[in-house]
Amino acid sequence: MICRVAAPFPGLILAVALLAGSACSNEETRTPVAADATLTVVTRSGEVEFDVRIAETPDARATGLMGVRTLAPDAGMVFLFDAPTDGAFWMKGTLIPLSIAFWDADGRIVAMLDMAPCRAEPCPLYSPGHDYVAALEVNRGALSERGVRIGDLVRLERS
């Protein structure tokens, strides 16, 4: 999930996010099963693939993986942006620990972070320290376990 630090109405945004989350059914809190795309990371030792859902609207990016209880080992969510951003992510309402990789307009990973679910406010913000155009969230450790590193190339192919 992404959080803009300088939101004009942070209380309103938080209230809407909480209401949206509380209105979810059990079906919506399960692992996303249908992939929108295949994301391939070209690493030093080969290619690594993830089946991903794509969040490219402000609402989809704000919701992210909120309420998801499990995520398949090769599944994730991609957050796409229209222009480079340096916005931070947070884990409010996210139930599972995640790893995140941020990539730039050239498709190169510029930062990777591990993120823990937020159990109490204030939730920490996770910022890559670089401008990026997209980010991938996966199960915590899934990137390092597959040899993904900063500088690797990312390709996204829609289904």
N, C-alpha and C. Protein backbone atom coordinates (compact mmCIF):
# COMPACT_ATOMS: atom_id res chain seq x y z
N MET A 1 0.84 -1.16 0.00
CA MET A 1 0.00 0.00 0.00
C MET A 1 0.89 1.22 0.00
N ILE A 2 0.47 2.25 -0.68
CA ILE A 2 1.27 3.48 -0.74
C ILE A 2 0.62 4.55 0.12
N CYS A 3 1.45 5.35 0.70
CA CYS A 3 1.00 6.46 1.54
C CYS A 3 1.73 7.71 1.10
N ARG A 4 1.00 8.72 0.77
CA ARG A 4 1.63 10.00 0.42
C ARG A 4 1.79 10.81 1.70
N VAL A 5 2.99 11.21 1.99
CA VAL A 5 3.29 11.92 3.22
C VAL A 5 2.61 13.27 3.28
N ALA A 6 2.50 13.95 2.16
CA ALA A 6 1.96 15.31 2.14
C ALA A 6 0.51 15.34 1.65
N ALA A 7 -0.31 14.39 2.08
CA ALA A 7 -1.71 14.35 1.65
C ALA A 7 -2.46 15.55 2.23
N PRO A 8 -3.32 16.21 1.41
CA PRO A 8 -4.01 17.39 1.89
C PRO A 8 -5.05 17.09 2.97
N PHE A 9 -5.66 15.92 2.96
CA PHE A 9 -6.67 15.56 3.95
C PHE A 9 -6.37 14.16 4.49
N PRO A 10 -5.28 13.99 5.24
CA PRO A 10 -4.89 12.65 5.67
C PRO A 10 -5.95 11.95 6.50
N GLY A 11 -6.70 12.70 7.33
CA GLY A 11 -7.74 12.08 8.14
C GLY A 11 -8.85 11.51 7.28
N LEU A 12 -9.25 12.25 6.25
CA LEU A 12 -10.29 11.80 5.34
C LEU A 12 -9.83 10.57 4.57
N ILE A 13 -8.60 10.60 4.09
CA ILE A 13 -8.07 9.46 3.34
C ILE A 13 -8.03 8.23 4.22
N LEU A 14 -7.58 8.38 5.47
CA LEU A 14 -7.51 7.26 6.40
C LEU A 14 -8.91 6.72 6.69
N ALA A 15 -9.88 7.60 6.90
CA ALA A 15 -11.25 7.17 7.17
C ALA A 15 -11.82 6.38 6.01
N VAL A 16 -11.61 6.86 4.79
CA VAL A 16 -12.10 6.15 3.60
C VAL A 16 -11.43 4.79 3.49
N ALA A 17 -10.12 4.74 3.72
CA ALA A 17 -9.39 3.47 3.64
C ALA A 17 -9.91 2.49 4.68
N LEU A 18 -10.16 2.96 5.90
CA LEU A 18 -10.67 2.07 6.95
C LEU A 18 -12.07 1.58 6.63
N LEU A 19 -12.93 2.46 6.13
CA LEU A 19 -14.28 2.05 5.75
C LEU A 19 -14.24 1.05 4.61
N ALA A 20 -13.39 1.28 3.64
CA ALA A 20 -13.28 0.35 2.51
C ALA A 20 -12.80 -1.01 3.01
N GLY A 21 -11.85 -1.01 3.91
CA GLY A 21 -11.32 -2.26 4.44
C GLY A 21 -12.34 -3.00 5.27
N SER A 22 -13.17 -2.28 6.05
CA SER A 22 -14.15 -2.94 6.90
C SER A 22 -15.31 -3.49 6.09
N ALA A 23 -15.49 -3.00 4.87
CA ALA A 23 -16.59 -3.47 4.03
C ALA A 23 -16.21 -4.69 3.20
N CYS A 24 -14.97 -5.14 3.30
CA CYS A 24 -14.52 -6.28 2.50
C CYS A 24 -15.14 -7.57 3.01
N SER A 25 -15.46 -8.46 2.09
CA SER A 25 -15.94 -9.78 2.46
C SER A 25 -14.76 -10.71 2.65
N ASN A 26 -15.04 -11.91 3.17
CA ASN A 26 -13.97 -12.90 3.33
C ASN A 26 -13.32 -13.24 2.01
N GLU A 27 -14.10 -13.25 0.95
CA GLU A 27 -13.55 -13.55 -0.38
C GLU A 27 -12.45 -12.57 -0.75
N GLU A 28 -12.63 -11.32 -0.41
CA GLU A 28 -11.65 -10.30 -0.77
C GLU A 28 -10.39 -10.35 0.08
N THR A 29 -10.43 -11.04 1.22
CA THR A 29 -9.26 -11.09 2.08
C THR A 29 -8.38 -12.30 1.79
N ARG A 30 -8.74 -13.08 0.81
CA ARG A 30 -7.93 -14.23 0.44
C ARG A 30 -6.87 -13.83 -0.56
N THR A 31 -5.98 -14.77 -0.82
CA THR A 31 -4.91 -14.53 -1.79
C THR A 31 -5.49 -14.16 -3.14
N PRO A 32 -4.96 -13.10 -3.78
CA PRO A 32 -5.39 -12.83 -5.15
C PRO A 32 -5.04 -14.04 -6.02
N VAL A 33 -6.02 -14.64 -6.69
CA VAL A 33 -5.76 -15.87 -7.43
C VAL A 33 -5.50 -15.64 -8.91
N ALA A 34 -6.14 -14.67 -9.50
CA ALA A 34 -5.96 -14.44 -10.93
C ALA A 34 -4.89 -13.38 -11.15
N ALA A 35 -3.94 -13.70 -11.98
CA ALA A 35 -2.87 -12.74 -12.26
C ALA A 35 -3.29 -11.80 -13.38
N ASP A 36 -2.91 -10.56 -13.25
CA ASP A 36 -3.11 -9.58 -14.31
C ASP A 36 -1.92 -9.59 -15.26
N ALA A 37 -0.78 -10.05 -14.75
CA ALA A 37 0.46 -9.96 -15.53
C ALA A 37 1.49 -10.93 -14.98
N THR A 38 2.52 -11.11 -15.77
CA THR A 38 3.71 -11.83 -15.31
C THR A 38 4.83 -10.82 -15.22
N LEU A 39 5.45 -10.76 -14.06
CA LEU A 39 6.59 -9.89 -13.86
C LEU A 39 7.84 -10.76 -13.86
N THR A 40 8.80 -10.41 -14.70
CA THR A 40 10.06 -11.15 -14.78
C THR A 40 11.18 -10.24 -14.31
N VAL A 41 12.01 -10.77 -13.42
CA VAL A 41 13.22 -10.07 -12.99
C VAL A 41 14.40 -10.82 -13.58
N VAL A 42 15.22 -10.11 -14.36
CA VAL A 42 16.42 -10.71 -14.94
C VAL A 42 17.54 -10.50 -13.93
N THR A 43 17.93 -11.61 -13.28
CA THR A 43 18.98 -11.56 -12.26
C THR A 43 20.30 -12.02 -12.86
N ARG A 44 21.34 -11.98 -12.06
CA ARG A 44 22.66 -12.43 -12.51
C ARG A 44 22.68 -13.92 -12.83
N SER A 45 21.77 -14.68 -12.19
CA SER A 45 21.77 -16.13 -12.39
C SER A 45 20.61 -16.64 -13.22
N GLY A 46 19.79 -15.75 -13.78
CA GLY A 46 18.68 -16.18 -14.61
C GLY A 46 17.45 -15.32 -14.39
N GLU A 47 16.33 -15.81 -14.90
CA GLU A 47 15.07 -15.07 -14.80
C GLU A 47 14.21 -15.62 -13.67
N VAL A 48 13.55 -14.72 -12.96
CA VAL A 48 12.64 -15.06 -11.88
C VAL A 48 11.28 -14.47 -12.24
N GLU A 49 10.22 -15.29 -12.15
CA GLU A 49 8.88 -14.82 -12.51
C GLU A 49 7.96 -14.77 -11.31
N PHE A 50 7.08 -13.76 -11.32
CA PHE A 50 6.02 -13.63 -10.33
C PHE A 50 4.72 -13.39 -11.08
N ASP A 51 3.63 -14.04 -10.62
CA ASP A 51 2.28 -13.77 -11.12
C ASP A 51 1.75 -12.62 -10.28
N VAL A 52 1.38 -11.53 -10.92
CA VAL A 52 1.05 -10.32 -10.17
C VAL A 52 -0.29 -9.72 -10.54
N ARG A 53 -0.90 -9.08 -9.57
CA ARG A 53 -2.04 -8.20 -9.77
C ARG A 53 -1.45 -6.81 -9.98
N ILE A 54 -2.13 -5.99 -10.75
CA ILE A 54 -1.63 -4.64 -11.03
C ILE A 54 -2.53 -3.61 -10.35
N ALA A 55 -1.92 -2.72 -9.60
CA ALA A 55 -2.61 -1.59 -8.99
C ALA A 55 -2.10 -0.33 -9.67
N GLU A 56 -2.94 0.27 -10.52
CA GLU A 56 -2.48 1.46 -11.24
C GLU A 56 -3.40 2.66 -11.07
N THR A 57 -4.46 2.51 -10.30
CA THR A 57 -5.30 3.67 -9.98
C THR A 57 -5.00 4.09 -8.54
N PRO A 58 -5.29 5.33 -8.20
CA PRO A 58 -5.05 5.76 -6.81
C PRO A 58 -5.75 4.86 -5.78
N ASP A 59 -7.00 4.47 -6.05
CA ASP A 59 -7.72 3.61 -5.11
C ASP A 59 -7.07 2.24 -4.97
N ALA A 60 -6.69 1.65 -6.10
CA ALA A 60 -6.05 0.33 -6.06
C ALA A 60 -4.71 0.40 -5.35
N ARG A 61 -3.95 1.46 -5.60
CA ARG A 61 -2.66 1.61 -4.92
C ARG A 61 -2.85 1.83 -3.42
N ALA A 62 -3.88 2.57 -3.03
CA ALA A 62 -4.13 2.82 -1.60
C ALA A 62 -4.54 1.54 -0.88
N THR A 63 -5.28 0.67 -1.55
CA THR A 63 -5.72 -0.58 -0.95
C THR A 63 -4.62 -1.63 -0.95
N GLY A 64 -3.89 -1.74 -2.05
CA GLY A 64 -2.79 -2.69 -2.12
C GLY A 64 -3.17 -4.08 -1.67
N LEU A 65 -2.38 -4.65 -0.78
CA LEU A 65 -2.62 -6.00 -0.26
C LEU A 65 -3.28 -5.97 1.12
N MET A 66 -3.99 -4.89 1.43
CA MET A 66 -4.73 -4.81 2.70
C MET A 66 -5.65 -6.00 2.85
N GLY A 67 -5.66 -6.61 4.01
CA GLY A 67 -6.58 -7.68 4.31
C GLY A 67 -6.22 -9.03 3.73
N VAL A 68 -5.21 -9.11 2.90
CA VAL A 68 -4.80 -10.40 2.33
C VAL A 68 -4.13 -11.22 3.42
N ARG A 69 -4.63 -12.44 3.63
CA ARG A 69 -4.12 -13.30 4.71
C ARG A 69 -2.97 -14.19 4.27
N THR A 70 -2.96 -14.59 3.01
CA THR A 70 -1.88 -15.41 2.48
C THR A 70 -1.59 -14.98 1.05
N LEU A 71 -0.38 -15.25 0.63
CA LEU A 71 0.04 -14.91 -0.72
C LEU A 71 0.86 -16.09 -1.23
N ALA A 72 0.54 -16.59 -2.41
CA ALA A 72 1.30 -17.71 -2.98
C ALA A 72 2.78 -17.33 -3.09
N PRO A 73 3.68 -18.31 -3.03
CA PRO A 73 5.11 -18.01 -3.06
C PRO A 73 5.57 -17.21 -4.28
N ASP A 74 4.89 -17.38 -5.41
CA ASP A 74 5.31 -16.68 -6.64
C ASP A 74 4.33 -15.58 -7.03
N ALA A 75 3.52 -15.12 -6.07
CA ALA A 75 2.51 -14.09 -6.34
C ALA A 75 2.94 -12.76 -5.75
N GLY A 76 2.34 -11.69 -6.26
CA GLY A 76 2.63 -10.37 -5.72
C GLY A 76 1.71 -9.33 -6.30
N MET A 77 1.99 -8.09 -5.96
CA MET A 77 1.23 -6.96 -6.49
C MET A 77 2.21 -5.92 -7.01
N VAL A 78 1.90 -5.41 -8.20
CA VAL A 78 2.71 -4.35 -8.81
C VAL A 78 1.93 -3.04 -8.70
N PHE A 79 2.63 -2.00 -8.30
CA PHE A 79 2.07 -0.65 -8.19
C PHE A 79 2.69 0.18 -9.31
N LEU A 80 1.85 0.63 -10.26
CA LEU A 80 2.33 1.42 -11.39
C LEU A 80 1.95 2.89 -11.21
N PHE A 81 2.85 3.78 -11.61
CA PHE A 81 2.63 5.22 -11.49
C PHE A 81 2.81 5.87 -12.86
N ASP A 82 2.09 6.97 -13.09
CA ASP A 82 2.15 7.68 -14.36
C ASP A 82 3.45 8.45 -14.55
N ALA A 83 4.09 8.80 -13.47
CA ALA A 83 5.32 9.59 -13.51
C ALA A 83 6.20 9.17 -12.34
N PRO A 84 7.49 9.43 -12.42
CA PRO A 84 8.37 9.10 -11.29
C PRO A 84 7.85 9.73 -9.99
N THR A 85 7.98 8.99 -8.91
CA THR A 85 7.54 9.43 -7.59
C THR A 85 8.57 9.02 -6.55
N ASP A 86 8.49 9.63 -5.40
CA ASP A 86 9.34 9.20 -4.29
C ASP A 86 8.48 8.90 -3.06
N GLY A 87 7.17 8.67 -3.30
CA GLY A 87 6.22 8.40 -2.22
C GLY A 87 6.60 7.18 -1.41
N ALA A 88 6.26 7.23 -0.13
CA ALA A 88 6.55 6.13 0.79
C ALA A 88 5.37 5.15 0.83
N PHE A 89 5.66 3.91 1.18
CA PHE A 89 4.64 2.89 1.40
C PHE A 89 4.47 2.71 2.90
N TRP A 90 3.30 2.19 3.31
CA TRP A 90 3.09 1.81 4.69
C TRP A 90 2.32 0.51 4.71
N MET A 91 2.18 -0.09 5.88
CA MET A 91 1.59 -1.42 6.00
C MET A 91 0.29 -1.42 6.81
N LYS A 92 -0.37 -0.29 6.89
CA LYS A 92 -1.64 -0.19 7.61
C LYS A 92 -2.64 -1.17 7.00
N GLY A 93 -3.23 -2.02 7.83
CA GLY A 93 -4.23 -2.97 7.36
C GLY A 93 -3.67 -4.16 6.61
N THR A 94 -2.35 -4.24 6.50
CA THR A 94 -1.71 -5.36 5.81
C THR A 94 -1.38 -6.42 6.86
N LEU A 95 -1.77 -7.66 6.60
CA LEU A 95 -1.69 -8.71 7.61
C LEU A 95 -0.43 -9.56 7.52
N ILE A 96 0.27 -9.52 6.40
CA ILE A 96 1.43 -10.39 6.21
C ILE A 96 2.69 -9.55 5.96
N PRO A 97 3.85 -10.03 6.40
CA PRO A 97 5.10 -9.31 6.12
C PRO A 97 5.43 -9.39 4.64
N LEU A 98 5.96 -8.30 4.11
CA LEU A 98 6.24 -8.21 2.67
C LEU A 98 7.64 -7.70 2.40
N SER A 99 8.14 -8.02 1.23
CA SER A 99 9.33 -7.37 0.67
C SER A 99 8.86 -6.55 -0.51
N ILE A 100 9.55 -5.45 -0.76
CA ILE A 100 9.18 -4.56 -1.85
C ILE A 100 10.42 -4.19 -2.65
N ALA A 101 10.27 -4.19 -3.97
CA ALA A 101 11.34 -3.75 -4.88
C ALA A 101 10.79 -2.58 -5.68
N PHE A 102 11.55 -1.51 -5.76
CA PHE A 102 11.19 -0.31 -6.52
C PHE A 102 12.05 -0.25 -7.76
N TRP A 103 11.46 0.09 -8.93
CA TRP A 103 12.28 0.24 -10.12
C TRP A 103 12.02 1.56 -10.82
N ASP A 104 13.04 1.98 -11.59
CA ASP A 104 13.00 3.29 -12.25
C ASP A 104 12.48 3.17 -13.68
N ALA A 105 12.48 4.28 -14.40
CA ALA A 105 11.94 4.32 -15.77
C ALA A 105 12.73 3.44 -16.73
N ASP A 106 13.96 3.10 -16.40
CA ASP A 106 14.77 2.20 -17.23
C ASP A 106 14.50 0.74 -16.90
N GLY A 107 13.64 0.47 -15.93
CA GLY A 107 13.32 -0.90 -15.54
C GLY A 107 14.34 -1.53 -14.61
N ARG A 108 15.20 -0.72 -14.02
CA ARG A 108 16.23 -1.23 -13.09
C ARG A 108 15.78 -1.06 -11.65
N ILE A 109 15.95 -2.10 -10.85
CA ILE A 109 15.61 -2.02 -9.44
C ILE A 109 16.57 -1.05 -8.76
N VAL A 110 15.99 -0.05 -8.07
CA VAL A 110 16.79 0.98 -7.41
C VAL A 110 16.80 0.82 -5.89
N ALA A 111 15.87 0.05 -5.35
CA ALA A 111 15.82 -0.16 -3.90
C ALA A 111 14.98 -1.38 -3.57
N MET A 112 15.30 -2.02 -2.45
CA MET A 112 14.52 -3.15 -1.94
C MET A 112 14.43 -3.00 -0.42
N LEU A 113 13.25 -3.28 0.11
CA LEU A 113 13.03 -3.16 1.55
C LEU A 113 12.17 -4.32 2.05
N ASP A 114 12.33 -4.68 3.31
CA ASP A 114 11.42 -5.60 3.99
C ASP A 114 10.49 -4.77 4.85
N MET A 115 9.20 -5.15 4.87
CA MET A 115 8.20 -4.38 5.59
C MET A 115 7.40 -5.31 6.51
N ALA A 116 7.11 -4.83 7.71
CA ALA A 116 6.34 -5.60 8.69
C ALA A 116 4.92 -5.04 8.78
N PRO A 117 3.93 -5.91 9.05
CA PRO A 117 2.57 -5.42 9.25
C PRO A 117 2.55 -4.38 10.37
N CYS A 118 1.70 -3.40 10.23
CA CYS A 118 1.55 -2.36 11.25
C CYS A 118 0.47 -2.79 12.22
N ARG A 119 0.85 -3.00 13.46
CA ARG A 119 -0.10 -3.45 14.48
C ARG A 119 -0.69 -2.29 15.29
N ALA A 120 0.01 -1.15 15.30
CA ALA A 120 -0.48 0.02 16.05
C ALA A 120 0.05 1.28 15.39
N GLU A 121 -0.74 2.33 15.46
CA GLU A 121 -0.32 3.60 14.89
C GLU A 121 0.62 4.32 15.84
N PRO A 122 1.51 5.13 15.36
CA PRO A 122 1.69 5.48 13.95
C PRO A 122 2.44 4.37 13.20
N CYS A 123 1.99 4.09 11.99
CA CYS A 123 2.64 3.07 11.16
C CYS A 123 3.91 3.66 10.55
N PRO A 124 4.99 2.86 10.52
CA PRO A 124 6.21 3.36 9.88
C PRO A 124 6.02 3.51 8.38
N LEU A 125 6.76 4.44 7.81
CA LEU A 125 6.76 4.64 6.36
C LEU A 125 8.01 3.99 5.78
N TYR A 126 7.86 3.37 4.63
CA TYR A 126 8.96 2.70 3.95
C TYR A 126 9.24 3.45 2.65
N SER A 127 10.34 4.16 2.64
CA SER A 127 10.71 4.99 1.49
C SER A 127 11.97 4.44 0.84
N PRO A 128 11.99 4.36 -0.49
CA PRO A 128 13.17 3.80 -1.16
C PRO A 128 14.36 4.75 -1.21
N GLY A 129 14.13 6.03 -1.01
CA GLY A 129 15.24 6.99 -1.10
C GLY A 129 15.63 7.30 -2.53
N HIS A 130 14.82 6.87 -3.49
CA HIS A 130 15.05 7.11 -4.93
C HIS A 130 13.71 7.36 -5.59
N ASP A 131 13.71 8.07 -6.70
CA ASP A 131 12.51 8.15 -7.52
C ASP A 131 12.29 6.79 -8.17
N TYR A 132 11.02 6.43 -8.35
CA TYR A 132 10.68 5.15 -8.98
C TYR A 132 9.40 5.33 -9.77
N VAL A 133 9.14 4.41 -10.70
CA VAL A 133 7.90 4.45 -11.49
C VAL A 133 6.99 3.27 -11.17
N ALA A 134 7.52 2.28 -10.46
CA ALA A 134 6.73 1.10 -10.11
C ALA A 134 7.38 0.38 -8.94
N ALA A 135 6.56 -0.46 -8.30
CA ALA A 135 7.06 -1.25 -7.17
C ALA A 135 6.37 -2.60 -7.18
N LEU A 136 7.06 -3.60 -6.65
CA LEU A 136 6.55 -4.96 -6.54
C LEU A 136 6.55 -5.36 -5.07
N GLU A 137 5.38 -5.78 -4.56
CA GLU A 137 5.29 -6.35 -3.21
C GLU A 137 5.09 -7.85 -3.33
N VAL A 138 5.89 -8.61 -2.56
CA VAL A 138 5.82 -10.07 -2.51
C VAL A 138 5.98 -10.50 -1.05
N ASN A 139 5.82 -11.80 -0.80
CA ASN A 139 6.08 -12.31 0.54
C ASN A 139 7.47 -11.90 1.01
N ARG A 140 7.57 -11.59 2.29
CA ARG A 140 8.87 -11.17 2.84
C ARG A 140 9.92 -12.25 2.59
N GLY A 141 11.04 -11.84 2.03
CA GLY A 141 12.14 -12.75 1.76
C GLY A 141 12.12 -13.36 0.37
N ALA A 142 10.99 -13.25 -0.35
CA ALA A 142 10.88 -13.89 -1.67
C ALA A 142 11.86 -13.32 -2.68
N LEU A 143 12.20 -12.05 -2.56
CA LEU A 143 13.15 -11.45 -3.50
C LEU A 143 14.56 -11.97 -3.26
N SER A 144 15.02 -11.89 -2.02
CA SER A 144 16.39 -12.33 -1.72
C SER A 144 16.55 -13.83 -1.92
N GLU A 145 15.52 -14.62 -1.59
CA GLU A 145 15.58 -16.07 -1.79
C GLU A 145 15.76 -16.44 -3.25
N ARG A 146 15.27 -15.60 -4.16
CA ARG A 146 15.37 -15.88 -5.59
C ARG A 146 16.54 -15.14 -6.25
N GLY A 147 17.37 -14.50 -5.45
CA GLY A 147 18.56 -13.85 -5.98
C GLY A 147 18.33 -12.50 -6.61
N VAL A 148 17.19 -11.86 -6.32
CA VAL A 148 16.90 -10.53 -6.87
C VAL A 148 17.74 -9.51 -6.10
N ARG A 149 18.36 -8.60 -6.87
CA ARG A 149 19.23 -7.58 -6.27
C ARG A 149 18.99 -6.22 -6.91
N ILE A 150 19.46 -5.19 -6.24
CA ILE A 150 19.44 -3.84 -6.81
C ILE A 150 20.24 -3.86 -8.10
N GLY A 151 19.71 -3.21 -9.13
CA GLY A 151 20.35 -3.18 -10.45
C GLY A 151 19.77 -4.18 -11.43
N ASP A 152 19.02 -5.19 -10.92
CA ASP A 152 18.40 -6.17 -11.82
C ASP A 152 17.33 -5.50 -12.68
N LEU A 153 17.06 -6.10 -13.83
CA LEU A 153 16.10 -5.57 -14.81
C LEU A 153 14.73 -6.20 -14.60
N VAL A 154 13.68 -5.38 -14.67
CA VAL A 154 12.30 -5.83 -14.50
C VAL A 154 11.55 -5.70 -15.82
N ARG A 155 10.79 -6.75 -16.17
CA ARG A 155 9.90 -6.72 -17.34
C ARG A 155 8.50 -7.10 -16.87
N LEU A 156 7.50 -6.38 -17.35
CA LEU A 156 6.12 -6.64 -16.98
C LEU A 156 5.33 -6.94 -18.24
N GLU A 157 4.71 -8.12 -18.29
CA GLU A 157 3.91 -8.53 -19.44
C GLU A 157 2.49 -8.80 -18.98
N ARG A 158 1.56 -7.98 -19.48
CA ARG A 158 0.15 -8.14 -19.09
C ARG A 158 -0.44 -9.39 -19.72
N SER A 159 -1.36 -10.02 -18.98
CA SER A 159 -2.03 -11.24 -19.45
C SER A 159 -3.01 -10.91 -20.56
